[in-house]
Amino acid sequence: MTATNLASPPSAKLWPGPPRRQTPGLVRKLMRDRLALMSTAADGYGDAVRIAIGPKTLYFVNHPDYAKHVLADNAGNYHKGIGLVQARRALGDGLLTSEGELWRKQRKAIQPGFQAKRIAQQAPAVAEEAAALVARLRAHIGRGPVDVMKEMTGLTLGVLGRTLLDADLGAHGGISAAFQAMQDQAMFEVVTLSMVPMWVPLPKQMRFRRARRELQDVVNALAADRDARPEGASGDDVLSRLILSTRAESDPRVRDLRMRDELVTLLLAGHETTASTLSWTFNLLHENPWAWERVHAEANAVLGDRLPTFEDLHALKYTSMVIEEAMRLYPPVWMLGRIAQGGDDIGGYRVRSGADVVVCPYTMHRHPAFWEEPTRFDPERFDPGVTHDRPRYAYIPFGAGPRFCVGNNLGMMEAAFVLAMVARELRLSTEAGYRVVAEPMLSLRVRGGLPMRVAAAR
């Protein structure tokens, strides 16, 4: 799709937004409270806002029609923008940050690993990992709090290792800490607009460099293990497909970098988003015990005392509604930055070539024009038996358009299995007095972890 010709329609609307004298305050918000920056802009100026932040000007659109135009209808005119452009220095050219032909080759290589039939075949592995999580949590009954965010991170890495890589990621100690250092550096690149050279020996950057070397070692070990298998033993998992897709690289260094970038991006995006969603879901159920009771009752009615199967997903209706509502309030992908490759018109607002355009699912999911009492937790919004008149793009927790999250079905199955199995046996309560704060990194996670106490379900 080509960009819209902006030859100069006389009726083009002017972008409202904060005056430039507020730039210092906006920069502070970018550094300290990015959600407040976007929410204040939407509340104060509407669905199309111009935000000048130092050398950057963001064109923030907060209407489903505008999001549809940028992410789907005219997606060819918009490449990855603020956030992921800067994160490329940390994450390299993996599926999350790459563009053009490289992105198409990467997507084609891994897409078969996420087909519905293959995801269904992975259901037993996901259920077994969830059962192991329940056992770990059960051991904390009557003891002190457990960091649920840490537990969910371990769970999701285990699931991704088994379902996508046919490998045990638990055998590689410290991988979670390495991913944390990678994400911290990526967000540092965002808030500094990549103006700090990578060689500067800041503690954060030194941790990142160590993490990058450690993750390269993990990638090398995974590839070596796969090469050591008997000929023909490689399956249809994503790791096998990545090895095959990079084998044509004549330069071994380029091949190793591509493998690292693609695997690190896949694992970081895949485990971080689901771990964050589950953490938010458990905290919301603590705050709304009536919803926990319904999930508990449904889990017992559908599953009894057995492990869930792929066919159970349709019956775990309320459980899925709870997860969807948690992703509405705390979308795992909270911001989608794009750069206009050519001039365009978005709902009558003109953007020039090179403009930074931002869609924010966090504010879109709380837009009062499309969500009644938008800050209230209400899973009934997602009852499949009820017809809603809200626009399709008012809810985009996995993004939209050609770059829609490839792992959404695996993530939803994992979240439903875990929530149902935990709620069937246990009750989690956020530690009294603990302030749960959202931290908008590459995903929208709970800042500093989530300490919760574990009790047996009654």
Protein backbone atom coordinates (compact mmCIF):
# COMPACT_ATOMS: atom_id res chain seq x y z
CA MET A 1 0.00 0.00 0.00
CA THR A 2 1.46 3.37 -0.92
CA ALA A 3 1.44 6.48 1.17
CA THR A 4 -1.37 8.96 0.74
CA ASN A 5 -0.47 11.96 -1.41
CA LEU A 6 -0.40 15.06 0.77
CA ALA A 7 -0.27 17.61 -2.00
CA SER A 8 -1.91 19.97 0.42
CA PRO A 9 -5.53 19.53 1.25
CA PRO A 10 -6.69 22.91 2.52
CA SER A 11 -8.87 21.28 5.18
CA ALA A 12 -6.01 19.48 6.99
CA LYS A 13 -6.47 19.63 10.76
CA LEU A 14 -3.88 21.14 13.06
CA TRP A 15 -2.27 18.82 15.61
CA PRO A 16 -3.07 20.00 19.13
CA GLY A 17 -0.57 19.39 21.91
CA PRO A 18 1.40 20.78 24.84
CA PRO A 19 3.26 24.04 24.17
CA ARG A 20 7.03 23.79 23.75
CA ARG A 21 7.65 25.49 27.09
CA GLN A 22 6.46 22.24 28.71
CA THR A 23 9.26 20.24 27.03
CA PRO A 24 11.42 19.87 30.20
CA GLY A 25 8.48 18.38 32.08
CA LEU A 26 7.67 16.06 29.18
CA VAL A 27 11.27 14.84 29.10
CA ARG A 28 11.07 14.06 32.82
CA LYS A 29 7.88 12.09 32.24
CA LEU A 30 9.53 10.18 29.40
CA MET A 31 12.27 9.20 31.83
CA ARG A 32 10.12 8.48 34.90
CA ASP A 33 6.47 7.92 34.02
CA ARG A 34 5.81 7.09 30.38
CA LEU A 35 2.24 5.94 31.03
CA ALA A 36 1.39 9.29 32.63
CA LEU A 37 2.94 11.07 29.63
CA MET A 38 0.63 9.28 27.19
CA SER A 39 -2.46 9.35 29.44
CA THR A 40 -2.13 13.07 30.15
CA ALA A 41 -1.73 13.81 26.45
CA ALA A 42 -4.86 11.82 25.56
CA ASP A 43 -6.93 13.31 28.37
CA GLY A 44 -5.83 16.85 27.65
CA TYR A 45 -5.75 17.02 23.87
CA GLY A 46 -7.88 14.23 22.40
CA ASP A 47 -7.28 11.53 19.80
CA ALA A 48 -4.45 13.18 17.84
CA VAL A 49 -1.68 14.91 19.80
CA ARG A 50 1.64 16.48 18.89
CA ILE A 51 4.19 15.95 21.69
CA ALA A 52 7.57 17.72 21.42
CA ILE A 53 10.19 15.96 23.57
CA GLY A 54 13.64 17.47 23.16
CA PRO A 55 14.84 16.74 19.62
CA LYS A 56 11.90 14.38 19.01
CA THR A 57 8.33 15.20 18.07
CA LEU A 58 5.82 12.41 18.51
CA TYR A 59 2.52 12.30 16.64
CA PHE A 60 0.32 10.33 19.02
CA VAL A 61 -2.93 8.88 17.63
CA ASN A 62 -5.47 7.43 20.04
CA HIS A 63 -8.51 6.43 17.98
CA PRO A 64 -9.27 2.94 16.60
CA ASP A 65 -9.69 4.30 13.06
CA TYR A 66 -6.31 6.01 13.21
CA ALA A 67 -4.66 2.90 14.61
CA LYS A 68 -6.19 0.78 11.85
CA HIS A 69 -4.85 3.16 9.22
CA VAL A 70 -1.28 3.14 10.59
CA LEU A 71 -1.03 -0.53 11.57
CA ALA A 72 -3.06 -2.21 8.82
CA ASP A 73 -4.56 -0.16 5.99
CA ASN A 74 -1.36 1.72 5.16
CA ALA A 75 1.12 -0.45 7.07
CA GLY A 76 3.60 -0.39 4.19
CA ASN A 77 4.18 3.30 4.84
CA TYR A 78 5.12 2.77 8.48
CA HIS A 79 8.28 1.07 9.69
CA LYS A 80 9.14 0.35 13.32
CA GLY A 81 9.66 3.61 15.18
CA ILE A 82 10.59 5.09 18.54
CA GLY A 83 11.31 2.39 21.05
CA LEU A 84 12.26 -0.38 18.69
CA VAL A 85 14.57 1.75 16.55
CA GLN A 86 16.59 2.56 19.64
CA ALA A 87 16.23 -0.99 21.00
CA ARG A 88 17.92 -2.30 17.85
CA ARG A 89 21.30 -1.34 19.32
CA ALA A 90 20.58 -3.75 22.17
CA LEU A 91 18.50 -6.44 20.46
CA GLY A 92 20.01 -6.43 16.98
CA ASP A 93 17.96 -7.30 13.91
CA GLY A 94 15.56 -9.90 15.26
CA LEU A 95 11.92 -10.27 14.26
CA LEU A 96 10.88 -7.47 16.62
CA THR A 97 13.16 -4.80 15.14
CA SER A 98 13.95 -5.85 11.56
CA GLU A 99 12.28 -4.45 8.44
CA GLY A 100 11.71 -5.24 4.79
CA GLU A 101 13.01 -8.41 3.19
CA LEU A 102 14.92 -9.54 6.29
CA TRP A 103 11.74 -9.34 8.39
CA ARG A 104 9.77 -11.24 5.75
CA LYS A 105 12.40 -14.01 5.66
CA GLN A 106 12.42 -14.23 9.47
CA ARG A 107 8.64 -14.34 9.70
CA LYS A 108 8.43 -16.99 6.98
CA ALA A 109 11.06 -19.10 8.75
CA ILE A 110 9.29 -19.23 12.12
CA GLN A 111 5.62 -18.96 11.10
CA PRO A 112 5.12 -22.76 10.74
CA GLY A 113 6.20 -23.19 14.35
CA PHE A 114 3.13 -21.22 15.44
CA GLN A 115 0.48 -22.87 13.25
CA ALA A 116 -2.70 -23.87 15.08
CA LYS A 117 -2.11 -27.59 14.58
CA ARG A 118 1.37 -27.42 16.05
CA ILE A 119 0.21 -25.27 19.00
CA ALA A 120 -2.46 -27.87 19.75
CA GLN A 121 0.22 -30.56 19.78
CA GLN A 122 2.18 -28.56 22.36
CA ALA A 123 -0.72 -28.41 24.83
CA PRO A 124 0.55 -31.39 26.95
CA ALA A 125 3.96 -29.73 27.40
CA VAL A 126 2.34 -26.46 28.45
CA ALA A 127 0.08 -28.28 30.91
CA GLU A 128 3.04 -30.15 32.41
CA GLU A 129 4.99 -26.92 32.90
CA ALA A 130 1.92 -25.36 34.53
CA ALA A 131 1.60 -28.37 36.86
CA ALA A 132 5.24 -27.95 37.89
CA LEU A 133 4.52 -24.28 38.65
CA VAL A 134 1.54 -25.22 40.83
CA ALA A 135 3.75 -27.64 42.75
CA ARG A 136 6.36 -24.92 43.35
CA LEU A 137 3.70 -22.50 44.53
CA ARG A 138 2.07 -25.13 46.74
CA ALA A 139 5.36 -25.50 48.62
CA HIS A 140 4.95 -21.87 49.77
CA ILE A 141 1.61 -22.41 51.55
CA GLY A 142 1.88 -21.04 55.08
CA ARG A 143 5.31 -19.58 54.42
CA GLY A 144 6.44 -16.11 53.39
CA PRO A 145 5.52 -14.40 50.12
CA VAL A 146 6.76 -15.64 46.76
CA ASP A 147 7.66 -13.36 43.87
CA VAL A 148 4.97 -14.30 41.36
CA MET A 149 6.59 -12.26 38.59
CA LYS A 150 9.77 -14.31 39.00
CA GLU A 151 7.78 -17.56 39.05
CA MET A 152 5.87 -16.59 35.90
CA THR A 153 9.11 -15.69 34.14
CA GLY A 154 10.57 -19.10 34.95
CA LEU A 155 7.39 -20.80 33.78
CA THR A 156 7.23 -18.98 30.45
CA LEU A 157 10.90 -19.62 29.68
CA GLY A 158 10.30 -23.30 30.40
CA VAL A 159 7.30 -23.37 28.08
CA LEU A 160 9.13 -21.60 25.26
CA GLY A 161 12.11 -23.93 25.62
CA ARG A 162 9.94 -27.02 25.29
CA THR A 163 7.45 -25.81 22.70
CA LEU A 164 9.60 -23.73 20.36
CA LEU A 165 13.16 -24.96 20.81
CA ASP A 166 12.81 -28.57 21.93
CA ALA A 167 15.36 -27.65 24.61
CA ASP A 168 15.65 -27.25 28.37
CA LEU A 169 16.38 -23.59 29.00
CA GLY A 170 16.61 -24.29 32.72
CA ALA A 171 19.95 -25.93 32.03
CA HIS A 172 21.35 -22.49 31.21
CA GLY A 173 21.66 -20.73 34.56
CA GLY A 174 21.21 -16.97 34.71
CA ILE A 175 19.29 -16.67 31.46
CA SER A 176 16.51 -14.64 33.14
CA ALA A 177 19.02 -12.13 34.51
CA ALA A 178 20.63 -11.84 31.09
CA PHE A 179 17.26 -11.09 29.48
CA GLN A 180 16.61 -8.49 32.17
CA ALA A 181 19.90 -6.74 31.36
CA MET A 182 19.02 -6.79 27.64
CA GLN A 183 15.63 -5.20 28.27
CA ASP A 184 17.08 -2.59 30.65
CA GLN A 185 19.58 -1.55 27.99
CA ALA A 186 16.87 -1.43 25.31
CA MET A 187 14.78 0.96 27.42
CA PHE A 188 17.88 3.02 28.28
CA GLU A 189 18.36 3.45 24.53
CA VAL A 190 14.77 4.66 24.25
CA VAL A 191 14.81 7.28 27.00
CA THR A 192 18.26 8.58 25.96
CA LEU A 193 17.36 8.43 22.25
CA SER A 194 20.54 6.35 21.74
CA MET A 195 22.72 9.37 22.39
CA VAL A 196 24.97 7.59 24.92
CA PRO A 197 27.69 5.58 23.13
CA MET A 198 27.57 1.85 23.85
CA TRP A 199 31.21 1.85 25.00
CA VAL A 200 30.61 4.22 27.92
CA PRO A 201 31.30 2.11 31.05
CA LEU A 202 28.03 2.75 32.86
CA PRO A 203 27.03 -0.15 35.18
CA LYS A 204 23.89 -0.74 33.10
CA GLN A 205 25.86 -0.94 29.86
CA MET A 206 28.51 -3.18 31.39
CA ARG A 207 25.78 -5.58 32.57
CA PHE A 208 24.33 -5.49 29.09
CA ARG A 209 27.63 -6.39 27.45
CA ARG A 210 28.06 -9.35 29.82
CA ALA A 211 24.48 -10.45 29.16
CA ARG A 212 24.99 -10.29 25.41
CA ARG A 213 28.05 -12.56 25.67
CA GLU A 214 26.17 -14.97 27.97
CA LEU A 215 23.22 -15.19 25.59
CA GLN A 216 25.55 -15.77 22.65
CA ASP A 217 26.98 -18.72 24.62
CA VAL A 218 23.45 -20.06 25.15
CA VAL A 219 22.65 -19.74 21.44
CA ASN A 220 25.89 -21.49 20.55
CA ALA A 221 25.14 -24.32 22.98
CA LEU A 222 21.61 -24.77 21.62
CA ALA A 223 22.90 -24.88 18.04
CA ALA A 224 25.70 -27.31 18.97
CA ASP A 225 23.24 -29.62 20.70
CA ARG A 226 21.05 -29.61 17.61
CA ASP A 227 24.02 -30.31 15.32
CA ALA A 228 25.02 -33.26 17.51
CA ARG A 229 21.70 -35.01 17.00
CA PRO A 230 21.54 -37.85 14.47
CA GLU A 231 20.91 -36.77 10.91
CA GLY A 232 17.20 -36.38 10.31
CA ALA A 233 16.44 -36.02 14.04
CA SER A 234 15.75 -32.28 13.80
CA GLY A 235 12.05 -31.54 13.95
CA ASP A 236 9.79 -28.69 12.98
CA ASP A 237 10.54 -26.57 16.03
CA VAL A 238 11.54 -22.93 15.65
CA LEU A 239 15.19 -23.53 16.55
CA SER A 240 15.56 -26.06 13.74
CA ARG A 241 13.96 -23.63 11.32
CA LEU A 242 16.22 -20.78 12.41
CA ILE A 243 19.32 -22.93 11.98
CA LEU A 244 18.14 -23.88 8.50
CA SER A 245 17.31 -20.28 7.54
CA THR A 246 20.72 -18.93 8.64
CA ARG A 247 22.80 -21.75 7.17
CA ALA A 248 23.03 -19.96 3.83
CA GLU A 249 25.09 -17.16 5.40
CA SER A 250 28.64 -17.59 4.12
CA ASP A 251 30.21 -15.55 6.93
CA PRO A 252 30.13 -17.57 10.20
CA ARG A 253 30.14 -14.35 12.26
CA VAL A 254 27.08 -13.02 10.43
CA ARG A 255 25.38 -16.40 10.85
CA ASP A 256 26.05 -16.39 14.61
CA LEU A 257 24.80 -12.81 14.99
CA ARG A 258 21.60 -13.57 13.11
CA MET A 259 20.94 -16.64 15.23
CA ARG A 260 21.56 -14.69 18.42
CA ASP A 261 19.43 -11.71 17.40
CA GLU A 262 16.51 -13.85 16.29
CA LEU A 263 16.53 -16.25 19.23
CA VAL A 264 17.06 -13.56 21.85
CA THR A 265 14.27 -11.44 20.39
CA LEU A 266 11.90 -14.40 20.14
CA LEU A 267 12.55 -15.55 23.69
CA LEU A 268 12.55 -12.07 25.21
CA ALA A 269 9.29 -11.05 23.56
CA GLY A 270 7.66 -14.44 24.07
CA HIS A 271 8.35 -15.01 27.74
CA GLU A 272 8.20 -11.41 28.96
CA THR A 273 4.73 -10.63 27.58
CA THR A 274 3.03 -13.76 28.94
CA ALA A 275 4.79 -13.50 32.31
CA SER A 276 3.62 -9.89 32.65
CA THR A 277 0.05 -10.74 31.63
CA LEU A 278 -0.17 -13.55 34.20
CA SER A 279 1.28 -11.37 36.95
CA TRP A 280 -1.25 -8.61 36.30
CA THR A 281 -4.03 -11.18 36.14
CA PHE A 282 -3.20 -12.67 39.55
CA ASN A 283 -3.02 -9.22 41.13
CA LEU A 284 -6.36 -8.21 39.60
CA LEU A 285 -7.96 -11.40 40.92
CA HIS A 286 -6.60 -10.60 44.38
CA GLU A 287 -8.27 -7.17 44.11
CA ASN A 288 -11.51 -8.73 42.81
CA PRO A 289 -12.06 -11.96 44.80
CA TRP A 290 -15.49 -12.53 43.25
CA ALA A 291 -13.75 -13.10 39.90
CA TRP A 292 -11.28 -15.53 41.51
CA GLU A 293 -14.24 -17.56 42.81
CA ARG A 294 -15.67 -17.83 39.31
CA VAL A 295 -12.36 -18.92 37.79
CA HIS A 296 -11.92 -21.47 40.61
CA ALA A 297 -15.40 -22.89 40.05
CA GLU A 298 -14.95 -23.07 36.29
CA ALA A 299 -11.58 -24.82 36.61
CA ASN A 300 -13.05 -27.47 38.87
CA ALA A 301 -16.09 -27.98 36.64
CA VAL A 302 -14.09 -28.23 33.40
CA LEU A 303 -10.89 -29.94 34.52
CA GLY A 304 -11.75 -31.89 37.63
CA ASP A 305 -8.41 -33.22 38.86
CA ARG A 306 -6.76 -33.78 35.45
CA LEU A 307 -4.42 -31.71 33.31
CA PRO A 308 -6.05 -29.44 30.74
CA THR A 309 -6.08 -30.34 27.04
CA PHE A 310 -6.25 -28.13 23.97
CA GLU A 311 -9.95 -28.98 23.64
CA ASP A 312 -10.62 -27.49 27.10
CA LEU A 313 -9.81 -23.97 25.95
CA HIS A 314 -13.33 -23.38 24.61
CA ALA A 315 -14.85 -24.54 27.90
CA LEU A 316 -12.56 -22.29 29.99
CA LYS A 317 -14.69 -19.38 28.85
CA TYR A 318 -14.63 -17.16 31.93
CA THR A 319 -10.94 -17.84 32.48
CA SER A 320 -10.21 -16.50 28.99
CA MET A 321 -12.45 -13.48 29.61
CA VAL A 322 -10.45 -12.63 32.73
CA ILE A 323 -7.18 -12.81 30.80
CA GLU A 324 -8.55 -10.61 28.01
CA GLU A 325 -9.72 -8.02 30.53
CA ALA A 326 -6.32 -8.07 32.25
CA MET A 327 -4.70 -7.41 28.86
CA ARG A 328 -7.13 -4.55 28.27
CA LEU A 329 -6.08 -2.81 31.48
CA TYR A 330 -2.42 -3.80 31.21
CA PRO A 331 -1.66 -4.64 27.57
CA PRO A 332 1.63 -6.54 27.25
CA VAL A 333 2.55 -4.37 24.24
CA TRP A 334 1.72 -0.96 25.68
CA MET A 335 3.09 1.24 22.87
CA LEU A 336 3.59 0.82 19.11
CA GLY A 337 5.99 3.29 17.53
CA ARG A 338 6.19 3.79 13.77
CA ILE A 339 8.12 6.04 11.35
CA ALA A 340 6.28 7.35 8.29
CA GLN A 341 8.21 6.48 5.13
CA GLY A 342 6.22 8.99 3.11
CA GLY A 343 3.77 11.79 3.80
CA ASP A 344 0.31 10.65 4.84
CA ASP A 345 -3.08 11.76 6.08
CA ILE A 346 -4.44 10.16 9.26
CA GLY A 347 -8.05 11.12 9.81
CA GLY A 348 -7.44 14.56 8.35
CA TYR A 349 -4.19 15.13 10.26
CA ARG A 350 -1.14 15.38 8.02
CA VAL A 351 2.17 13.70 8.82
CA ARG A 352 5.36 14.28 6.90
CA SER A 353 7.86 11.70 5.74
CA GLY A 354 10.08 10.70 8.65
CA ALA A 355 7.51 11.59 11.31
CA ASP A 356 7.41 9.53 14.52
CA VAL A 357 3.85 8.21 14.87
CA VAL A 358 2.78 6.46 18.08
CA VAL A 359 -0.20 4.22 18.85
CA CYS A 360 -0.67 3.44 22.55
CA PRO A 361 -2.82 0.38 23.35
CA TYR A 362 -2.68 1.32 27.04
CA THR A 363 -4.61 4.55 26.46
CA MET A 364 -6.75 3.11 23.64
CA HIS A 365 -7.93 0.32 25.95
CA ARG A 366 -9.04 2.95 28.47
CA HIS A 367 -10.67 5.32 25.99
CA PRO A 368 -13.99 6.44 27.56
CA ALA A 369 -15.69 6.66 24.16
CA PHE A 370 -15.28 2.91 23.63
CA TRP A 371 -15.16 1.44 27.15
CA GLU A 372 -17.76 2.09 29.83
CA GLU A 373 -16.06 2.84 33.17
CA PRO A 374 -12.72 2.12 31.51
CA THR A 375 -10.64 1.72 34.67
CA ARG A 376 -13.01 -0.87 36.21
CA PHE A 377 -12.08 -4.56 36.04
CA ASP A 378 -14.99 -6.25 34.23
CA PRO A 379 -14.36 -9.54 32.38
CA GLU A 380 -17.95 -9.52 31.11
CA ARG A 381 -16.82 -7.05 28.46
CA PHE A 382 -15.37 -10.07 26.63
CA ASP A 383 -18.31 -12.45 26.90
CA PRO A 384 -18.36 -14.06 23.42
CA GLY A 385 -22.14 -14.41 23.67
CA VAL A 386 -22.69 -10.67 23.93
CA THR A 387 -22.56 -8.38 20.90
CA HIS A 388 -20.50 -5.22 21.35
CA ASP A 389 -20.47 -2.20 19.08
CA ARG A 390 -16.94 -1.08 19.86
CA PRO A 391 -14.54 -0.84 16.89
CA ARG A 392 -12.23 -3.79 16.23
CA TYR A 393 -9.10 -1.68 16.76
CA ALA A 394 -10.20 -0.40 20.16
CA TYR A 395 -8.57 -3.56 21.55
CA ILE A 396 -5.13 -4.49 20.24
CA PRO A 397 -3.14 -6.26 22.99
CA PHE A 398 -1.08 -8.20 20.42
CA GLY A 399 -0.66 -5.34 17.97
CA ALA A 400 -2.38 -5.42 14.59
CA GLY A 401 -1.81 -5.66 10.87
CA PRO A 402 1.07 -7.56 9.20
CA ARG A 403 3.16 -7.39 12.39
CA PHE A 404 0.46 -8.89 14.59
CA CYS A 405 2.16 -10.99 17.30
CA VAL A 406 3.00 -14.40 15.83
CA GLY A 407 2.83 -16.11 19.24
CA ASN A 408 -0.58 -14.88 20.40
CA ASN A 409 -2.28 -18.31 20.31
CA LEU A 410 0.50 -20.00 22.27
CA GLY A 411 0.48 -17.15 24.80
CA MET A 412 -3.29 -17.34 25.31
CA MET A 413 -3.24 -21.11 25.75
CA GLU A 414 -0.40 -20.85 28.24
CA ALA A 415 -2.12 -18.10 30.24
CA ALA A 416 -5.46 -19.97 30.34
CA PHE A 417 -3.88 -23.25 31.46
CA VAL A 418 -1.83 -21.58 34.17
CA LEU A 419 -4.66 -19.46 35.51
CA ALA A 420 -7.11 -22.37 35.62
CA MET A 421 -4.66 -24.79 37.24
CA VAL A 422 -3.47 -22.32 39.87
CA ALA A 423 -7.00 -21.14 40.74
CA ARG A 424 -8.24 -24.74 41.00
CA GLU A 425 -5.89 -25.49 43.91
CA LEU A 426 -4.50 -22.25 45.29
CA ARG A 427 -5.34 -18.69 46.17
CA LEU A 428 -2.76 -15.94 45.75
CA SER A 429 -2.92 -12.71 47.76
CA THR A 430 -0.72 -9.70 47.12
CA GLU A 431 1.42 -8.90 50.16
CA ALA A 432 -0.35 -6.40 52.44
CA GLY A 433 0.87 -2.86 51.97
CA TYR A 434 2.76 -3.63 48.77
CA ARG A 435 2.23 -0.98 46.10
CA VAL A 436 1.82 -2.57 42.69
CA VAL A 437 3.19 -0.19 40.04
CA ALA A 438 3.20 -0.58 36.27
CA GLU A 439 6.59 -0.30 34.61
CA PRO A 440 6.42 0.32 30.84
CA MET A 441 9.47 -1.40 29.42
CA LEU A 442 9.36 -3.37 26.16
CA SER A 443 6.33 -4.96 27.80
CA LEU A 444 4.13 -3.54 30.57
CA ARG A 445 5.37 -5.38 33.64
CA VAL A 446 5.04 -5.04 37.41
CA ARG A 447 7.87 -2.90 38.76
CA GLY A 448 10.15 -4.67 41.20
CA GLY A 449 8.31 -7.99 41.20
CA LEU A 450 5.02 -9.09 42.75
CA PRO A 451 5.21 -10.61 46.25
CA MET A 452 2.12 -12.76 46.92
CA ARG A 453 1.18 -15.18 49.68
CA VAL A 454 -0.07 -18.65 48.77
CA ALA A 455 -3.00 -20.42 50.43
CA ALA A 456 -4.97 -23.53 49.57
CA ALA A 457 -8.20 -22.80 47.70
CA ARG A 458 -11.28 -23.45 49.80
